Protein backbone atom coordinates (compact mmCIF):
# COMPACT_ATOMS: atom_id res chain seq x y z
CA MET A 1 0.00 0.00 0.00
CA ALA A 2 1.47 3.37 -1.04
CA THR A 3 1.57 5.59 2.02
CA ARG A 4 3.95 8.02 3.66
CA HIS A 5 5.65 5.37 5.76
CA VAL A 6 8.68 3.51 4.48
CA PRO A 7 7.82 0.35 2.48
CA MET A 8 8.17 -2.77 4.59
CA ARG A 9 10.80 -5.34 3.76
CA PRO A 10 9.50 -8.91 4.33
CA ALA A 11 12.29 -9.71 6.77
CA ASP A 12 11.44 -6.62 8.82
CA HIS A 13 7.78 -7.48 9.47
CA GLY A 14 8.43 -8.65 13.02
CA GLY A 15 10.49 -5.56 13.81
CA ARG A 16 7.79 -3.20 12.58
CA GLU A 17 5.18 -5.09 14.56
CA ARG A 18 7.23 -4.57 17.71
CA TYR A 19 7.25 -0.81 17.14
CA LEU A 20 3.54 -0.73 16.34
CA ASP A 21 2.77 -2.73 19.47
CA ALA A 22 4.81 -0.19 21.41
CA ALA A 23 3.04 2.73 19.72
CA LEU A 24 -0.38 1.28 20.49
CA SER A 25 0.64 0.71 24.10
CA VAL A 26 1.83 4.31 24.38
CA LEU A 27 -1.41 5.58 22.84
CA VAL A 28 -3.61 3.53 25.18
CA ASN A 29 -1.63 4.07 28.38
CA ARG A 30 -0.13 7.54 27.97
CA GLY A 31 -2.46 9.14 25.48
CA VAL A 32 -1.69 11.38 22.55
CA PRO A 33 0.99 13.48 24.35
CA GLY A 34 3.21 10.40 24.64
CA LEU A 35 2.85 9.47 20.99
CA THR A 36 6.19 10.82 19.82
CA VAL A 37 9.05 9.14 17.99
CA ARG A 38 11.08 9.25 21.20
CA GLY A 39 8.20 7.93 23.31
CA VAL A 40 7.59 5.00 20.97
CA ALA A 41 11.31 4.25 20.68
CA GLU A 42 11.62 4.12 24.47
CA ALA A 43 8.57 1.86 24.76
CA ALA A 44 10.07 -0.46 22.14
CA GLY A 45 13.47 -0.43 23.84
CA ALA A 46 15.10 1.01 20.73
CA SER A 47 16.62 4.19 19.36
CA THR A 48 14.80 7.03 17.64
CA LEU A 49 16.93 6.38 14.54
CA SER A 50 15.43 2.90 14.22
CA VAL A 51 11.92 4.40 14.21
CA TYR A 52 12.92 6.83 11.47
CA ALA A 53 14.51 4.00 9.49
CA ARG A 54 11.30 1.95 9.54
CA PHE A 55 8.65 4.65 9.26
CA GLY A 56 10.39 7.72 7.86
CA GLY A 57 9.26 9.92 10.73
CA ARG A 58 6.31 10.66 12.98
CA ALA A 59 3.79 11.00 10.13
CA GLY A 60 4.74 7.60 8.76
CA LEU A 61 4.59 6.06 12.23
CA LEU A 62 1.13 7.52 12.81
CA ASP A 63 -0.06 6.29 9.41
CA ALA A 64 1.11 2.78 10.28
CA LEU A 65 -0.55 2.97 13.69
CA TYR A 66 -3.76 4.25 12.09
CA GLU A 67 -3.69 1.24 9.76
CA ARG A 68 -3.10 -1.08 12.72
CA THR A 69 -6.17 0.24 14.57
CA PHE A 70 -8.38 -0.58 11.60
CA ASP A 71 -6.75 -3.99 11.32
CA SER A 72 -7.96 -4.60 14.88
CA LEU A 73 -11.53 -3.65 13.98
CA ARG A 74 -11.42 -5.73 10.80
CA GLU A 75 -10.19 -8.74 12.76
CA LEU A 76 -13.06 -8.31 15.19
CA LEU A 77 -15.60 -8.23 12.34
CA GLU A 78 -13.98 -11.22 10.64
CA GLY A 79 -14.13 -13.13 13.92
CA LEU A 80 -17.88 -12.74 14.36
CA PRO A 81 -19.99 -15.91 14.14
CA PRO A 82 -21.04 -16.89 10.61
CA SER A 83 -24.25 -15.37 9.30
CA SER A 84 -27.37 -17.17 10.49
CA ASP A 85 -31.00 -17.18 9.40
CA ASP A 86 -31.52 -14.24 11.77
CA GLY A 87 -29.69 -11.57 9.81
CA VAL A 88 -31.21 -8.77 11.90
CA GLY A 89 -30.01 -10.43 15.10
CA ASP A 90 -26.57 -10.92 13.54
CA LEU A 91 -26.40 -7.23 12.67
CA LEU A 92 -27.43 -6.15 16.16
CA HIS A 93 -24.74 -8.43 17.60
CA LEU A 94 -22.19 -6.78 15.29
CA ALA A 95 -23.32 -3.36 16.49
CA LEU A 96 -22.91 -4.37 20.13
CA GLU A 97 -19.43 -5.73 19.42
CA TYR A 98 -18.59 -2.44 17.71
CA ARG A 99 -19.59 -0.59 20.88
CA ARG A 100 -17.44 -2.92 22.96
CA PHE A 101 -14.48 -2.27 20.64
CA ALA A 102 -14.88 1.50 20.99
CA ARG A 103 -15.22 1.36 24.78
CA GLU A 104 -12.24 -0.99 25.09
CA SER A 105 -9.91 1.87 24.13
CA PRO A 106 -11.48 5.31 23.61
CA THR A 107 -8.10 6.74 22.63
CA ARG A 108 -7.65 4.15 19.87
CA TYR A 109 -11.19 4.83 18.67
CA ALA A 110 -10.51 8.56 18.62
CA LEU A 111 -7.43 8.04 16.43
CA MET A 112 -9.60 6.15 13.96
CA PHE A 113 -12.49 8.59 13.64
CA GLU A 114 -11.49 11.93 15.17
CA ARG A 115 -8.49 14.28 15.06
CA PRO A 116 -6.85 13.76 18.48
CA VAL A 117 -3.29 14.26 17.20
CA PRO A 118 -2.72 17.91 16.22
CA GLY A 119 -1.47 18.21 12.65
CA PHE A 120 -1.98 14.54 11.79
CA ASP A 121 -4.23 13.72 8.84
CA PRO A 122 -3.94 10.09 7.68
CA ASP A 123 -2.53 9.52 4.21
CA PRO A 124 -5.57 9.73 1.85
CA ALA A 125 -4.75 6.50 -0.01
CA LEU A 126 -4.32 4.64 3.28
CA ARG A 127 -7.50 6.10 4.76
CA SER A 128 -9.53 5.11 1.72
CA ALA A 129 -8.09 1.59 1.70
CA VAL A 130 -8.63 0.78 5.38
CA LEU A 131 -12.15 2.18 5.43
CA ARG A 132 -13.10 0.28 2.28
CA THR A 133 -11.59 -3.00 3.49
CA THR A 134 -12.99 -2.81 7.01
CA PHE A 135 -16.47 -1.56 6.23
CA SER A 136 -17.01 -3.95 3.33
CA LEU A 137 -17.61 -6.57 6.04
CA PHE A 138 -20.23 -4.36 7.66
CA ILE A 139 -21.91 -3.58 4.34
CA ALA A 140 -22.14 -7.29 3.55
CA ARG A 141 -24.07 -7.89 6.78
CA VAL A 142 -26.41 -5.00 6.00
CA GLN A 143 -26.92 -6.26 2.44
CA ARG A 144 -28.46 -9.49 3.73
CA VAL A 145 -31.37 -7.66 5.40
CA CYS A 146 -31.72 -4.64 3.11
CA PRO A 147 -35.10 -3.98 1.47
CA ARG A 148 -35.11 -4.98 -2.18
CA GLY A 149 -33.96 -2.11 -4.35
CA ALA A 150 -32.32 -0.24 -1.47
CA ASP A 151 -28.68 0.79 -1.73
CA ALA A 152 -26.76 -1.26 0.84
CA ARG A 153 -23.86 1.20 1.08
CA SER A 154 -26.14 4.14 1.81
CA THR A 155 -28.16 2.09 4.27
CA ALA A 156 -25.01 0.85 6.01
CA TYR A 157 -23.71 4.41 6.30
CA GLN A 158 -26.91 5.59 7.95
CA LEU A 159 -26.78 2.71 10.41
CA TRP A 160 -23.08 3.28 11.14
CA THR A 161 -23.62 6.98 11.86
CA THR A 162 -26.19 5.95 14.48
CA MET A 163 -23.78 3.47 16.05
CA HIS A 164 -20.91 5.95 15.96
CA GLY A 165 -23.02 8.79 17.29
CA LEU A 166 -24.34 6.79 20.22
CA VAL A 167 -21.03 5.31 21.31
CA GLY A 168 -19.19 8.57 20.64
CA SER A 169 -21.58 10.44 22.92
CA GLU A 170 -21.17 7.74 25.55
CA LEU A 171 -17.37 8.03 25.45
CA MET A 172 -17.48 11.81 25.60
CA LEU A 173 -19.79 11.81 28.61
CA ALA A 174 -17.74 9.11 30.35
CA SER A 175 -14.69 11.38 30.18
CA ARG A 176 -16.47 14.02 32.27
CA ARG A 177 -18.09 14.12 35.68
CA PRO A 178 -21.55 12.51 35.50
CA LEU A 179 -24.69 14.62 35.61
CA ALA A 180 -27.52 13.57 37.88
CA ASP A 181 -30.21 15.00 35.58
CA TRP A 182 -28.95 13.70 32.22
CA PHE A 183 -31.17 11.72 29.83
CA ILE A 184 -30.08 8.38 31.27
CA PRO A 185 -28.20 7.24 34.40
CA PRO A 186 -24.39 7.21 33.97
CA THR A 187 -24.13 3.42 34.10
CA ASP A 188 -22.89 0.86 31.61
CA GLU A 189 -26.23 -0.94 31.75
CA ALA A 190 -28.20 2.20 30.91
CA ASN A 191 -25.82 3.15 28.10
CA GLU A 192 -25.92 -0.32 26.57
CA GLU A 193 -29.70 -0.40 26.68
CA MET A 194 -29.94 3.05 25.08
CA TYR A 195 -27.45 1.97 22.41
CA ARG A 196 -29.41 -1.22 21.74
CA GLN A 197 -32.68 0.68 21.49
CA GLY A 198 -31.21 3.37 19.25
CA VAL A 199 -29.61 0.90 16.85
CA SER A 200 -32.73 -1.27 16.77
CA ALA A 201 -34.92 1.76 16.05
CA MET A 202 -32.65 2.82 13.18
CA MET A 203 -32.64 -0.69 11.75
CA ALA A 204 -36.43 -0.76 11.86
CA GLY A 205 -36.65 2.70 10.31
CA LEU A 206 -34.37 1.61 7.46
CA GLY A 207 -36.65 -1.35 6.83
CA LEU A 208 -34.01 -3.95 7.66
CA ARG A 209 -35.64 -7.34 8.13
CA ASN A 210 -35.00 -11.02 7.67
CA ARG A 211 -35.96 -12.35 4.27
């Protein structure tokens, strides 16, 4: 894939993975401020020169880390149970797993869909490729329950924006002190139920049903 980071030599795959594991650990445990070439090099037990040699610099490192985060989501989607006769139930299960993925690491999720790193905008070719590859799995699940004649990509996008909006709001509120008079209690149970209801309502509104 043509991106800003240095092309990977086959023999160096393991080495790059070590740096990306370190970068992801820094992102999750120390947040965006720690996500520097020096910070990643220290976490990997290596020199800053070795990071530059493999990724070309901070932008290349961040591109590679961005790609890795979507690999994690793709692997989750690929690992879901095979499609059953209950396509609507399968899709709701996918949506709940998506929420779990986002809540597992809000910082990782922010790198994927927000702009938490000042000045970093993922390489356009990379961004297009990872979104297309990852969300093709989601679109395929939507396609199975789409009304005849409906555009599955458009329908999937509308459903995803609901999922993203609900879990994004949950993560934002969880990062602040809870409010006693908010719409729902600040508990995981209440948030999951609201998410389930919201996604189910959108699925019904889009006319998604088992055939």
